[in-house]
Protein backbone atom coordinates (compact mmCIF):
# COMPACT_ATOMS: atom_id res chain seq x y z
CA MET A 1 0.03 -0.02 -0.06
CA ASP A 2 1.06 3.41 -0.45
CA SER A 3 0.61 5.57 2.60
CA HIS A 4 1.65 8.85 0.59
CA LYS A 5 -1.10 8.71 -1.58
CA THR A 6 -2.88 12.13 -1.58
CA TYR A 7 -6.46 13.41 -2.82
CA SER A 8 -7.86 16.80 -3.58
CA ILE A 9 -10.91 17.76 -1.53
CA GLU A 10 -13.02 17.90 -4.89
CA GLU A 11 -12.16 14.21 -5.68
CA ALA A 12 -12.95 13.18 -1.65
CA LEU A 13 -16.41 14.94 -2.06
CA ARG A 14 -17.14 13.30 -5.37
CA ALA A 15 -16.17 9.79 -4.14
CA GLN A 16 -18.31 10.53 -0.72
CA THR A 17 -21.34 11.72 -2.71
CA ALA A 18 -21.31 8.85 -5.07
CA LEU A 19 -21.07 6.32 -1.88
CA ARG A 20 -23.91 8.19 0.00
CA THR A 21 -26.13 8.30 -2.89
CA MET A 22 -25.34 4.69 -3.60
CA ALA A 23 -26.23 3.90 -0.05
CA GLY A 24 -29.44 5.73 -0.29
CA LEU A 25 -28.27 8.41 2.21
CA GLU A 26 -28.78 12.17 2.18
CA PRO A 27 -26.13 14.56 1.54
CA GLU A 28 -23.99 15.13 4.76
CA THR A 29 -24.26 18.40 6.34
CA PHE A 30 -22.30 20.09 9.25
CA PRO A 31 -23.35 22.28 11.89
CA VAL A 32 -21.79 25.82 11.72
CA GLN A 33 -19.28 24.86 14.63
CA ALA A 34 -17.86 21.81 12.60
CA PHE A 35 -17.78 23.65 9.36
CA VAL A 36 -15.53 26.58 10.93
CA GLY A 37 -13.50 24.03 12.43
CA MET A 38 -12.93 22.44 9.24
CA ILE A 39 -11.85 25.49 7.50
CA SER A 40 -9.60 26.78 10.48
CA ASP A 41 -6.37 26.15 8.82
CA GLU A 42 -7.36 28.40 5.87
CA ILE A 43 -8.85 31.10 8.24
CA GLU A 44 -5.44 31.02 10.13
CA HIS A 45 -3.49 31.83 7.10
CA LEU A 46 -6.05 34.43 5.66
CA ARG A 47 -5.66 36.31 9.17
CA THR A 48 -2.11 36.24 8.98
CA GLN A 49 -2.14 37.74 5.37
CA GLY A 50 -4.37 40.44 7.13
CA HIS A 51 -7.75 39.12 5.91
CA SER A 52 -10.74 40.02 8.37
CA ASP A 53 -13.11 37.73 9.52
CA GLU A 54 -15.97 39.66 7.65
CA LYS A 55 -13.91 39.25 4.48
CA ILE A 56 -13.68 35.67 5.20
CA ALA A 57 -17.32 35.46 5.61
CA ALA A 58 -18.16 37.38 2.62
CA THR A 59 -15.86 35.14 0.37
CA ILE A 60 -17.41 32.18 1.97
CA ALA A 61 -21.01 33.51 0.79
CA ALA A 62 -19.92 35.01 -2.52
CA ASN A 63 -18.37 31.37 -3.37
CA SER A 64 -21.02 29.15 -2.01
CA ASP A 65 -24.42 28.57 -0.51
CA ILE A 66 -23.27 29.04 2.92
CA GLN A 67 -24.04 32.15 4.90
CA ILE A 68 -21.86 32.76 7.80
CA SER A 69 -21.09 35.70 9.88
CA ALA A 70 -17.76 36.99 11.08
CA GLY A 71 -19.09 36.49 14.43
CA GLU A 72 -19.58 32.64 13.93
CA ILE A 73 -15.99 32.54 12.49
CA ALA A 74 -14.59 34.28 15.37
CA ALA A 75 -16.64 32.04 17.94
CA TYR A 76 -16.04 28.58 16.33
CA TYR A 77 -12.45 29.18 15.11
CA ALA A 78 -10.35 26.17 16.10
CA THR A 79 -6.82 27.30 17.11
CA PRO A 80 -3.76 25.18 15.77
CA GLU A 81 -3.65 23.47 19.26
CA GLN A 82 -7.14 22.34 19.13
CA ARG A 83 -7.01 21.26 15.43
CA ARG A 84 -4.15 18.89 16.34
CA ALA A 85 -5.37 17.59 19.59
CA PRO A 86 -5.06 13.65 20.00
CA ARG A 87 -8.49 12.01 19.44
CA ASP A 88 -10.01 9.66 22.04
């Protein structure tokens, strides 16, 4: 096995969508806390580049059907330590 394989998010989502369809499952959804946790790496990089949470929220809204506020980004942002915490 090749443990160094990588896949883009687009490919992973296509595969997951096909499997959920095959299983008769609805599309997966995420609460806002989980979504912000998933994009916290990107938020961290954008903040270090000087982008505000307002700009990040506006970019998300302009490029998806996701409506999120700067306050939600601030409230649910996962710090690097939280993102790398060991799972039980």
